Amino acid sequence: SCSRAYLHASLSLVAVGYLLLMYFVGAQPTHGNLVRNVEGGVLQSELKNITSVEITTTNGREKYTRRDLSWHNALSGFPLTKENSVELKKAITFMQTAAPVRVLRPEEFAAADDGRFGLGKGVLDIEFSTSAGTVLAVGFGNHANDGILRYMQVIGRPEIYLMSGFVGDAWEGVAYFDAATVQK
């Protein structure tokens, strides 16, 4: 019993020592299923180059265009309120900076129930364009079982990404801007 306690204490000290060593040298643990590119998200274009964002939900489509350094509702032509412009810019920035937490390759989810992910149904699809055309189109699906992460797929790619839920939540907020919140 005493030797077992000594063994547990020794293993705990080794683990703490390892963590301290990693802290002081700046190393982070890595896992084969984590995305190593932490420099940026899936949207590679700079915010200043994004000229339009089109959002499709089960309720329809909304399109926002940027002109004269401000965002407008493409249908009405009215500029977004300052608050909505900030929310839209924040959501775009998340796409540029929030790297996927995990990438699921097709062989990992081939046998899974398609409904589990909630993708491909136009629940929350976003298309980003520059003056040269569409640069990225993504679809957000269901939240993962942990309630924190959310499934996302880049349209045209077979992989499924697990993104931090705040990214999809930001786009949910943009998708459901109140029509009365545009400047008139």
N, C-alpha and C. Protein backbone atom coordinates (compact mmCIF):
# COMPACT_ATOMS: atom_id res chain seq x y z
N SER A 1 0.82 -1.19 0.00
CA SER A 1 0.00 0.00 0.00
C SER A 1 0.87 1.25 0.00
N CYS A 2 1.92 1.22 0.80
CA CYS A 2 2.84 2.37 0.87
C CYS A 2 3.62 2.51 -0.43
N SER A 3 4.01 1.34 -1.02
CA SER A 3 4.75 1.40 -2.28
C SER A 3 3.86 1.86 -3.42
N ARG A 4 2.57 1.52 -3.36
CA ARG A 4 1.62 1.97 -4.37
C ARG A 4 1.45 3.49 -4.31
N ALA A 5 1.36 4.04 -3.12
CA ALA A 5 1.25 5.49 -2.94
C ALA A 5 2.51 6.17 -3.44
N TYR A 6 3.67 5.56 -3.17
CA TYR A 6 4.94 6.10 -3.64
C TYR A 6 4.99 6.11 -5.17
N LEU A 7 4.48 5.04 -5.79
CA LEU A 7 4.45 4.94 -7.25
C LEU A 7 3.55 6.02 -7.85
N HIS A 8 2.37 6.22 -7.28
CA HIS A 8 1.45 7.25 -7.77
C HIS A 8 2.06 8.64 -7.62
N ALA A 9 2.71 8.88 -6.48
CA ALA A 9 3.35 10.18 -6.26
C ALA A 9 4.48 10.40 -7.26
N SER A 10 5.24 9.37 -7.53
CA SER A 10 6.35 9.48 -8.49
C SER A 10 5.84 9.76 -9.90
N LEU A 11 4.79 9.05 -10.30
CA LEU A 11 4.22 9.27 -11.63
C LEU A 11 3.64 10.67 -11.74
N SER A 12 3.03 11.14 -10.68
CA SER A 12 2.48 12.50 -10.69
C SER A 12 3.58 13.53 -10.83
N LEU A 13 4.68 13.32 -10.12
CA LEU A 13 5.83 14.23 -10.23
C LEU A 13 6.42 14.23 -11.64
N VAL A 14 6.50 13.07 -12.24
CA VAL A 14 7.02 12.97 -13.61
C VAL A 14 6.10 13.73 -14.57
N ALA A 15 4.79 13.56 -14.42
CA ALA A 15 3.83 14.25 -15.29
C ALA A 15 3.91 15.76 -15.11
N VAL A 16 3.97 16.22 -13.88
CA VAL A 16 4.10 17.65 -13.62
C VAL A 16 5.41 18.18 -14.17
N GLY A 17 6.49 17.41 -13.99
CA GLY A 17 7.78 17.80 -14.54
C GLY A 17 7.74 17.94 -16.06
N TYR A 18 7.09 16.99 -16.72
CA TYR A 18 6.95 17.04 -18.18
C TYR A 18 6.18 18.29 -18.61
N LEU A 19 5.08 18.57 -17.92
CA LEU A 19 4.29 19.76 -18.25
C LEU A 19 5.08 21.03 -18.02
N LEU A 20 5.83 21.09 -16.94
CA LEU A 20 6.67 22.27 -16.68
C LEU A 20 7.74 22.43 -17.75
N LEU A 21 8.35 21.33 -18.15
CA LEU A 21 9.34 21.38 -19.22
C LEU A 21 8.73 21.90 -20.51
N MET A 22 7.54 21.39 -20.85
CA MET A 22 6.87 21.86 -22.07
C MET A 22 6.53 23.34 -21.95
N TYR A 23 6.13 23.78 -20.77
CA TYR A 23 5.78 25.18 -20.57
C TYR A 23 7.00 26.07 -20.79
N PHE A 24 8.12 25.69 -20.22
CA PHE A 24 9.31 26.54 -20.30
C PHE A 24 9.96 26.54 -21.68
N VAL A 25 9.84 25.46 -22.43
CA VAL A 25 10.40 25.45 -23.79
C VAL A 25 9.38 25.89 -24.83
N GLY A 26 8.13 26.07 -24.41
CA GLY A 26 7.10 26.56 -25.32
C GLY A 26 6.49 25.50 -26.21
N ALA A 27 6.77 24.25 -25.95
CA ALA A 27 6.21 23.17 -26.76
C ALA A 27 4.78 22.89 -26.35
N GLN A 28 4.01 22.45 -27.33
CA GLN A 28 2.63 22.07 -27.05
C GLN A 28 2.45 20.62 -27.45
N PRO A 29 1.61 19.91 -26.72
CA PRO A 29 1.37 18.52 -27.12
C PRO A 29 0.67 18.49 -28.47
N THR A 30 0.97 17.50 -29.25
CA THR A 30 0.32 17.37 -30.56
C THR A 30 -0.34 16.00 -30.65
N HIS A 31 -1.37 15.96 -31.44
CA HIS A 31 -2.09 14.71 -31.70
C HIS A 31 -2.27 14.61 -33.20
N GLY A 32 -2.25 13.42 -33.71
CA GLY A 32 -2.34 13.22 -35.15
C GLY A 32 -3.62 13.74 -35.78
N ASN A 33 -4.70 13.85 -35.00
CA ASN A 33 -5.96 14.28 -35.57
C ASN A 33 -6.19 15.78 -35.47
N LEU A 34 -5.27 16.51 -34.88
CA LEU A 34 -5.43 17.95 -34.78
C LEU A 34 -4.79 18.63 -35.98
N VAL A 35 -5.37 19.74 -36.38
CA VAL A 35 -4.85 20.51 -37.50
C VAL A 35 -3.66 21.30 -36.99
N ARG A 36 -2.55 21.18 -37.66
CA ARG A 36 -1.34 21.85 -37.21
C ARG A 36 -1.27 23.30 -37.66
N ASN A 37 -2.03 23.70 -38.66
CA ASN A 37 -1.99 25.07 -39.14
C ASN A 37 -2.80 25.95 -38.21
N VAL A 38 -2.11 26.60 -37.25
CA VAL A 38 -2.81 27.46 -36.31
C VAL A 38 -2.64 28.92 -36.70
N GLU A 39 -2.02 29.17 -37.85
CA GLU A 39 -1.80 30.54 -38.29
C GLU A 39 -3.08 31.18 -38.79
N GLY A 40 -4.00 30.40 -39.25
CA GLY A 40 -5.22 31.00 -39.77
C GLY A 40 -6.31 29.99 -40.01
N GLY A 41 -7.46 30.53 -40.30
CA GLY A 41 -8.63 29.71 -40.55
C GLY A 41 -8.73 29.28 -42.00
N VAL A 42 -9.94 28.92 -42.39
CA VAL A 42 -10.15 28.39 -43.74
C VAL A 42 -10.30 29.49 -44.78
N LEU A 43 -10.59 30.72 -44.36
CA LEU A 43 -10.71 31.83 -45.29
C LEU A 43 -9.35 32.51 -45.41
N GLN A 44 -8.74 32.41 -46.59
CA GLN A 44 -7.40 32.93 -46.79
C GLN A 44 -7.38 34.38 -47.27
N SER A 45 -8.49 34.89 -47.75
CA SER A 45 -8.55 36.27 -48.25
C SER A 45 -8.61 37.25 -47.08
N GLU A 46 -8.01 38.41 -47.27
CA GLU A 46 -8.04 39.44 -46.24
C GLU A 46 -9.42 40.09 -46.19
N LEU A 47 -9.79 40.58 -45.02
CA LEU A 47 -11.08 41.22 -44.82
C LEU A 47 -11.30 42.33 -45.84
N LYS A 48 -10.28 43.13 -46.10
CA LYS A 48 -10.43 44.26 -47.02
C LYS A 48 -10.72 43.81 -48.45
N ASN A 49 -10.42 42.55 -48.78
CA ASN A 49 -10.67 42.04 -50.13
C ASN A 49 -12.03 41.38 -50.29
N ILE A 50 -12.69 41.08 -49.18
CA ILE A 50 -14.02 40.46 -49.25
C ILE A 50 -15.02 41.56 -49.62
N THR A 51 -15.71 41.37 -50.75
CA THR A 51 -16.66 42.38 -51.22
C THR A 51 -18.11 41.96 -51.03
N SER A 52 -18.35 40.66 -50.84
CA SER A 52 -19.73 40.24 -50.57
C SER A 52 -19.74 38.93 -49.80
N VAL A 53 -20.81 38.78 -49.03
CA VAL A 53 -21.06 37.58 -48.25
C VAL A 53 -22.52 37.22 -48.48
N GLU A 54 -22.74 35.99 -48.92
CA GLU A 54 -24.11 35.51 -49.13
C GLU A 54 -24.38 34.38 -48.15
N ILE A 55 -25.47 34.49 -47.44
CA ILE A 55 -25.81 33.51 -46.41
C ILE A 55 -27.13 32.86 -46.78
N THR A 56 -27.13 31.52 -46.80
CA THR A 56 -28.33 30.76 -47.09
C THR A 56 -28.72 29.98 -45.84
N THR A 57 -29.97 30.12 -45.45
CA THR A 57 -30.52 29.34 -44.34
C THR A 57 -31.82 28.72 -44.82
N THR A 58 -32.45 27.96 -43.97
CA THR A 58 -33.74 27.37 -44.33
C THR A 58 -34.80 28.45 -44.51
N ASN A 59 -34.54 29.66 -44.01
CA ASN A 59 -35.49 30.78 -44.17
C ASN A 59 -35.25 31.58 -45.44
N GLY A 60 -34.21 31.29 -46.18
CA GLY A 60 -33.92 32.02 -47.42
C GLY A 60 -32.48 32.49 -47.49
N ARG A 61 -32.26 33.52 -48.31
CA ARG A 61 -30.91 34.03 -48.54
C ARG A 61 -30.82 35.50 -48.19
N GLU A 62 -29.66 35.87 -47.69
CA GLU A 62 -29.32 37.27 -47.47
C GLU A 62 -27.95 37.50 -48.08
N LYS A 63 -27.78 38.66 -48.67
CA LYS A 63 -26.48 38.98 -49.25
C LYS A 63 -26.08 40.37 -48.76
N TYR A 64 -24.83 40.47 -48.35
CA TYR A 64 -24.28 41.73 -47.89
C TYR A 64 -23.09 42.08 -48.77
N THR A 65 -23.04 43.33 -49.20
CA THR A 65 -21.94 43.78 -50.05
C THR A 65 -21.21 44.92 -49.35
N ARG A 66 -19.92 45.00 -49.63
CA ARG A 66 -19.12 46.07 -49.06
C ARG A 66 -18.81 47.07 -50.16
N ARG A 67 -19.19 48.33 -49.91
CA ARG A 67 -18.83 49.41 -50.81
C ARG A 67 -18.56 50.64 -49.96
N ASP A 68 -17.64 51.43 -50.43
CA ASP A 68 -17.25 52.64 -49.71
C ASP A 68 -16.91 52.33 -48.25
N LEU A 69 -16.23 51.23 -48.04
CA LEU A 69 -15.77 50.79 -46.71
C LEU A 69 -16.89 50.46 -45.72
N SER A 70 -18.13 50.33 -46.18
CA SER A 70 -19.20 49.93 -45.27
C SER A 70 -20.01 48.81 -45.91
N TRP A 71 -20.67 48.04 -45.05
CA TRP A 71 -21.46 46.91 -45.49
C TRP A 71 -22.91 47.32 -45.69
N HIS A 72 -23.50 46.77 -46.76
CA HIS A 72 -24.88 47.09 -47.13
C HIS A 72 -25.67 45.80 -47.33
N ASN A 73 -26.97 45.87 -47.11
CA ASN A 73 -27.86 44.80 -47.50
C ASN A 73 -27.97 44.89 -49.02
N ALA A 74 -27.59 43.84 -49.73
CA ALA A 74 -27.55 43.89 -51.19
C ALA A 74 -28.94 44.09 -51.81
N LEU A 75 -29.98 43.56 -51.17
CA LEU A 75 -31.32 43.67 -51.72
C LEU A 75 -31.89 45.08 -51.56
N SER A 76 -31.80 45.61 -50.35
CA SER A 76 -32.37 46.94 -50.11
C SER A 76 -31.41 48.07 -50.48
N GLY A 77 -30.10 47.77 -50.46
CA GLY A 77 -29.12 48.80 -50.71
C GLY A 77 -28.78 49.63 -49.49
N PHE A 78 -29.53 49.44 -48.39
CA PHE A 78 -29.29 50.22 -47.18
C PHE A 78 -28.04 49.73 -46.47
N PRO A 79 -27.29 50.64 -45.88
CA PRO A 79 -26.12 50.22 -45.10
C PRO A 79 -26.56 49.53 -43.82
N LEU A 80 -25.74 48.60 -43.35
CA LEU A 80 -26.01 47.95 -42.08
C LEU A 80 -25.73 48.94 -40.96
N THR A 81 -26.39 48.72 -39.84
CA THR A 81 -26.09 49.54 -38.67
C THR A 81 -24.65 49.27 -38.25
N LYS A 82 -24.12 50.14 -37.43
CA LYS A 82 -22.76 49.97 -36.94
C LYS A 82 -22.63 48.63 -36.21
N GLU A 83 -23.63 48.28 -35.38
CA GLU A 83 -23.59 47.04 -34.62
C GLU A 83 -23.57 45.81 -35.54
N ASN A 84 -24.41 45.82 -36.57
CA ASN A 84 -24.44 44.69 -37.49
C ASN A 84 -23.16 44.62 -38.33
N SER A 85 -22.62 45.77 -38.71
CA SER A 85 -21.35 45.78 -39.44
C SER A 85 -20.24 45.16 -38.60
N VAL A 86 -20.22 45.51 -37.32
CA VAL A 86 -19.22 44.95 -36.42
C VAL A 86 -19.40 43.44 -36.31
N GLU A 87 -20.64 42.97 -36.18
CA GLU A 87 -20.91 41.53 -36.08
C GLU A 87 -20.48 40.80 -37.36
N LEU A 88 -20.76 41.38 -38.51
CA LEU A 88 -20.38 40.77 -39.79
C LEU A 88 -18.86 40.71 -39.91
N LYS A 89 -18.18 41.80 -39.59
CA LYS A 89 -16.71 41.81 -39.66
C LYS A 89 -16.12 40.79 -38.70
N LYS A 90 -16.71 40.67 -37.51
CA LYS A 90 -16.22 39.71 -36.52
C LYS A 90 -16.38 38.28 -37.05
N ALA A 91 -17.52 37.98 -37.65
CA ALA A 91 -17.76 36.63 -38.18
C ALA A 91 -16.77 36.32 -39.31
N ILE A 92 -16.51 37.29 -40.18
CA ILE A 92 -15.52 37.08 -41.25
C ILE A 92 -14.15 36.85 -40.66
N THR A 93 -13.79 37.65 -39.66
CA THR A 93 -12.48 37.51 -39.02
C THR A 93 -12.32 36.14 -38.39
N PHE A 94 -13.38 35.61 -37.77
CA PHE A 94 -13.31 34.26 -37.21
C PHE A 94 -12.96 33.24 -38.29
N MET A 95 -13.53 33.41 -39.48
CA MET A 95 -13.23 32.47 -40.58
C MET A 95 -11.77 32.57 -41.01
N GLN A 96 -11.16 33.72 -40.80
CA GLN A 96 -9.76 33.91 -41.17
C GLN A 96 -8.81 33.42 -40.08
N THR A 97 -9.24 33.48 -38.84
CA THR A 97 -8.31 33.22 -37.75
C THR A 97 -8.55 31.92 -36.99
N ALA A 98 -9.78 31.45 -36.93
CA ALA A 98 -10.09 30.25 -36.15
C ALA A 98 -9.83 29.00 -36.99
N ALA A 99 -8.76 28.34 -36.66
CA ALA A 99 -8.41 27.11 -37.38
C ALA A 99 -9.32 25.97 -36.92
N PRO A 100 -9.58 25.01 -37.78
CA PRO A 100 -10.37 23.85 -37.36
C PRO A 100 -9.69 23.14 -36.19
N VAL A 101 -10.49 22.64 -35.29
CA VAL A 101 -9.96 21.89 -34.15
C VAL A 101 -9.57 20.49 -34.61
N ARG A 102 -10.34 19.96 -35.55
CA ARG A 102 -10.07 18.62 -36.08
C ARG A 102 -10.61 18.54 -37.49
N VAL A 103 -9.92 17.76 -38.32
CA VAL A 103 -10.38 17.49 -39.67
C VAL A 103 -10.71 16.00 -39.76
N LEU A 104 -11.96 15.72 -40.12
CA LEU A 104 -12.38 14.33 -40.31
C LEU A 104 -12.24 13.98 -41.79
N ARG A 105 -11.45 12.98 -42.06
CA ARG A 105 -11.27 12.53 -43.44
C ARG A 105 -12.45 11.62 -43.82
N PRO A 106 -12.76 11.53 -45.10
CA PRO A 106 -13.93 10.75 -45.53
C PRO A 106 -13.96 9.32 -44.98
N GLU A 107 -12.82 8.67 -44.89
CA GLU A 107 -12.81 7.30 -44.38
C GLU A 107 -13.19 7.23 -42.89
N GLU A 108 -13.09 8.34 -42.18
CA GLU A 108 -13.45 8.36 -40.77
C GLU A 108 -14.96 8.47 -40.55
N PHE A 109 -15.67 9.03 -41.54
CA PHE A 109 -17.11 9.20 -41.33
C PHE A 109 -17.95 8.51 -42.40
N ALA A 110 -17.33 7.70 -43.24
CA ALA A 110 -18.06 7.04 -44.33
C ALA A 110 -19.22 6.19 -43.82
N ALA A 111 -19.05 5.53 -42.69
CA ALA A 111 -20.10 4.64 -42.18
C ALA A 111 -21.08 5.37 -41.25
N ALA A 112 -20.81 6.64 -40.98
CA ALA A 112 -21.67 7.40 -40.05
C ALA A 112 -22.97 7.80 -40.73
N ASP A 113 -23.97 8.00 -39.93
CA ASP A 113 -25.27 8.48 -40.39
C ASP A 113 -25.10 9.90 -40.90
N ASP A 114 -25.49 10.17 -42.15
CA ASP A 114 -25.34 11.50 -42.74
C ASP A 114 -26.03 12.59 -41.92
N GLY A 115 -27.13 12.26 -41.30
CA GLY A 115 -27.87 13.24 -40.52
C GLY A 115 -27.15 13.70 -39.27
N ARG A 116 -26.18 12.94 -38.84
CA ARG A 116 -25.42 13.27 -37.63
C ARG A 116 -24.74 14.62 -37.74
N PHE A 117 -24.25 14.94 -38.93
CA PHE A 117 -23.48 16.16 -39.12
C PHE A 117 -24.34 17.37 -39.48
N GLY A 118 -25.48 17.12 -40.10
CA GLY A 118 -26.39 18.22 -40.46
C GLY A 118 -25.85 19.09 -41.58
N LEU A 119 -25.03 18.53 -42.43
CA LEU A 119 -24.41 19.29 -43.52
C LEU A 119 -25.14 19.06 -44.83
N GLY A 120 -24.98 20.00 -45.76
CA GLY A 120 -25.53 19.84 -47.10
C GLY A 120 -27.02 20.07 -47.20
N LYS A 121 -27.60 20.67 -46.21
CA LYS A 121 -29.04 20.89 -46.22
C LYS A 121 -29.40 22.37 -46.28
N GLY A 122 -28.40 23.24 -46.49
CA GLY A 122 -28.67 24.67 -46.55
C GLY A 122 -29.10 25.25 -45.22
N VAL A 123 -28.70 24.60 -44.12
CA VAL A 123 -29.05 25.09 -42.79
C VAL A 123 -28.35 26.41 -42.52
N LEU A 124 -27.06 26.47 -42.84
CA LEU A 124 -26.29 27.69 -42.68
C LEU A 124 -25.09 27.63 -43.62
N ASP A 125 -25.29 28.11 -44.84
CA ASP A 125 -24.24 28.11 -45.85
C ASP A 125 -23.79 29.56 -46.08
N ILE A 126 -22.48 29.75 -46.20
CA ILE A 126 -21.94 31.09 -46.40
C ILE A 126 -20.98 31.06 -47.58
N GLU A 127 -21.13 32.04 -48.46
CA GLU A 127 -20.26 32.18 -49.62
C GLU A 127 -19.56 33.53 -49.53
N PHE A 128 -18.23 33.49 -49.62
CA PHE A 128 -17.41 34.69 -49.54
C PHE A 128 -16.88 35.02 -50.93
N SER A 129 -16.98 36.28 -51.33
CA SER A 129 -16.51 36.69 -52.65
C SER A 129 -15.62 37.92 -52.55
N THR A 130 -14.70 38.00 -53.51
CA THR A 130 -13.89 39.19 -53.72
C THR A 130 -14.30 39.74 -55.08
N SER A 131 -13.64 40.78 -55.52
CA SER A 131 -13.95 41.32 -56.85
C SER A 131 -13.66 40.31 -57.95
N ALA A 132 -12.84 39.31 -57.67
CA ALA A 132 -12.51 38.28 -58.66
C ALA A 132 -13.52 37.13 -58.66
N GLY A 133 -14.43 37.08 -57.69
CA GLY A 133 -15.41 36.01 -57.64
C GLY A 133 -15.38 35.29 -56.30
N THR A 134 -16.06 34.16 -56.23
CA THR A 134 -16.17 33.38 -55.00
C THR A 134 -14.81 32.82 -54.62
N VAL A 135 -14.44 33.04 -53.35
CA VAL A 135 -13.16 32.51 -52.85
C VAL A 135 -13.35 31.38 -51.85
N LEU A 136 -14.54 31.27 -51.26
CA LEU A 136 -14.79 30.21 -50.30
C LEU A 136 -16.29 30.07 -50.09
N ALA A 137 -16.73 28.83 -50.00
CA ALA A 137 -18.12 28.54 -49.65
C ALA A 137 -18.10 27.44 -48.60
N VAL A 138 -18.80 27.67 -47.49
CA VAL A 138 -18.82 26.70 -46.40
C VAL A 138 -20.25 26.46 -45.96
N GLY A 139 -20.45 25.32 -45.34
CA GLY A 139 -21.74 25.00 -44.75
C GLY A 139 -21.54 24.56 -43.31
N PHE A 140 -22.28 25.16 -42.39
CA PHE A 140 -22.24 24.74 -41.00
C PHE A 140 -23.38 23.77 -40.76
N GLY A 141 -23.11 22.79 -39.94
CA GLY A 141 -24.12 21.80 -39.61
C GLY A 141 -24.42 21.81 -38.13
N ASN A 142 -24.61 20.61 -37.60
CA ASN A 142 -24.98 20.44 -36.20
C ASN A 142 -23.81 20.71 -35.27
N HIS A 143 -24.14 20.90 -34.01
CA HIS A 143 -23.12 20.93 -32.98
C HIS A 143 -22.69 19.48 -32.73
N ALA A 144 -21.43 19.30 -32.36
CA ALA A 144 -20.93 17.97 -32.02
C ALA A 144 -21.55 17.55 -30.68
N ASN A 145 -21.36 16.31 -30.31
CA ASN A 145 -21.93 15.79 -29.07
C ASN A 145 -21.47 16.57 -27.84
N ASP A 146 -20.30 17.18 -27.90
CA ASP A 146 -19.80 17.92 -26.74
C ASP A 146 -20.53 19.25 -26.54
N GLY A 147 -21.30 19.69 -27.54
CA GLY A 147 -22.04 20.93 -27.45
C GLY A 147 -21.19 22.17 -27.65
N ILE A 148 -19.89 21.99 -27.82
CA ILE A 148 -18.97 23.12 -27.96
C ILE A 148 -18.53 23.28 -29.41
N LEU A 149 -18.17 22.18 -30.03
CA LEU A 149 -17.69 22.22 -31.42
C LEU A 149 -18.87 22.10 -32.38
N ARG A 150 -18.62 22.51 -33.62
CA ARG A 150 -19.67 22.47 -34.64
C ARG A 150 -19.08 21.94 -35.95
N TYR A 151 -19.87 21.13 -36.64
CA TYR A 151 -19.42 20.58 -37.92
C TYR A 151 -19.51 21.64 -39.00
N MET A 152 -18.50 21.66 -39.86
CA MET A 152 -18.47 22.57 -40.99
C MET A 152 -17.81 21.86 -42.16
N GLN A 153 -18.28 22.16 -43.35
CA GLN A 153 -17.66 21.59 -44.54
C GLN A 153 -17.40 22.70 -45.54
N VAL A 154 -16.21 22.66 -46.12
CA VAL A 154 -15.91 23.56 -47.22
C VAL A 154 -16.54 22.93 -48.45
N ILE A 155 -17.42 23.68 -49.10
CA ILE A 155 -18.14 23.16 -50.25
C ILE A 155 -17.13 22.76 -51.33
N GLY A 156 -17.27 21.54 -51.81
CA GLY A 156 -16.36 21.02 -52.83
C GLY A 156 -15.21 20.20 -52.27
N ARG A 157 -15.08 20.14 -50.95
CA ARG A 157 -14.03 19.32 -50.33
C ARG A 157 -14.70 18.18 -49.57
N PRO A 158 -14.05 17.01 -49.56
CA PRO A 158 -14.69 15.87 -48.91
C PRO A 158 -14.58 15.87 -47.38
N GLU A 159 -13.62 16.60 -46.81
CA GLU A 159 -13.41 16.58 -45.37
C GLU A 159 -14.53 17.31 -44.63
N ILE A 160 -14.69 16.93 -43.38
CA ILE A 160 -15.58 17.64 -42.48
C ILE A 160 -14.71 18.22 -41.38
N TYR A 161 -14.93 19.48 -41.07
CA TYR A 161 -14.14 20.17 -40.07
C TYR A 161 -14.94 20.29 -38.78
N LEU A 162 -14.26 20.14 -37.66
CA LEU A 162 -14.84 20.47 -36.37
C LEU A 162 -14.29 21.84 -36.00
N MET A 163 -15.19 22.80 -35.96
CA MET A 163 -14.81 24.18 -35.65
C MET A 163 -15.30 24.54 -34.25
N SER A 164 -14.64 25.51 -33.64
CA SER A 164 -15.14 26.03 -32.38
C SER A 164 -16.55 26.56 -32.62
N GLY A 165 -17.44 26.25 -31.71
CA GLY A 165 -18.84 26.62 -31.87
C GLY A 165 -19.07 28.11 -32.03
N PHE A 166 -18.18 28.94 -31.46
CA PHE A 166 -18.40 30.38 -31.55
C PHE A 166 -18.34 30.88 -32.99
N VAL A 167 -17.65 30.16 -33.86
CA VAL A 167 -17.57 30.57 -35.27
C VAL A 167 -18.94 30.42 -35.92
N GLY A 168 -19.53 29.24 -35.81
CA GLY A 168 -20.87 29.02 -36.36
C GLY A 168 -21.92 29.88 -35.68
N ASP A 169 -21.77 30.09 -34.37
CA ASP A 169 -22.73 30.93 -33.65
C ASP A 169 -22.69 32.37 -34.15
N ALA A 170 -21.48 32.86 -34.46
CA ALA A 170 -21.37 34.22 -35.00
C ALA A 170 -22.11 34.32 -36.33
N TRP A 171 -22.01 33.29 -37.17
CA TRP A 171 -22.71 33.30 -38.45
C TRP A 171 -24.22 33.14 -38.27
N GLU A 172 -24.64 32.40 -37.25
CA GLU A 172 -26.08 32.32 -36.94
C GLU A 172 -26.61 33.71 -36.65
N GLY A 173 -25.83 34.48 -35.87
CA GLY A 173 -26.25 35.84 -35.54
C GLY A 173 -26.36 36.71 -36.78
N VAL A 174 -25.40 36.59 -37.68
CA VAL A 174 -25.43 37.38 -38.93
C VAL A 174 -26.59 36.93 -39.81
N ALA A 175 -26.83 35.63 -39.86
CA ALA A 175 -27.89 35.10 -40.72
C ALA A 175 -29.27 35.59 -40.30
N TYR A 176 -29.40 35.92 -39.04
CA TYR A 176 -30.71 36.32 -38.55
C TYR A 176 -30.73 37.77 -38.06
N PHE A 177 -29.94 38.62 -38.77
CA PHE A 177 -30.04 40.06 -38.50
C PHE A 177 -31.50 40.47 -38.65
N ASP A 178 -31.95 41.31 -37.80
CA ASP A 178 -33.31 41.85 -37.89
C ASP A 178 -33.32 42.83 -39.08
N ALA A 179 -34.25 42.65 -39.98
CA ALA A 179 -34.34 43.52 -41.17
C ALA A 179 -34.49 44.99 -40.79
N ALA A 180 -35.00 45.26 -39.62
CA ALA A 180 -35.19 46.63 -39.18
C ALA A 180 -33.89 47.27 -38.69
N THR A 181 -32.80 46.48 -38.66
CA THR A 181 -31.56 47.02 -38.11
C THR A 181 -30.63 47.58 -39.17
N VAL A 182 -31.14 47.79 -40.38
CA VAL A 182 -30.34 48.49 -41.39
C VAL A 182 -30.65 49.97 -41.27
N GLN A 183 -29.67 50.79 -41.61
CA GLN A 183 -29.89 52.22 -41.57
C GLN A 183 -30.80 52.61 -42.72
N LYS A 184 -31.66 53.59 -42.48
CA LYS A 184 -32.55 54.04 -43.55
C LYS A 184 -32.44 55.53 -43.70
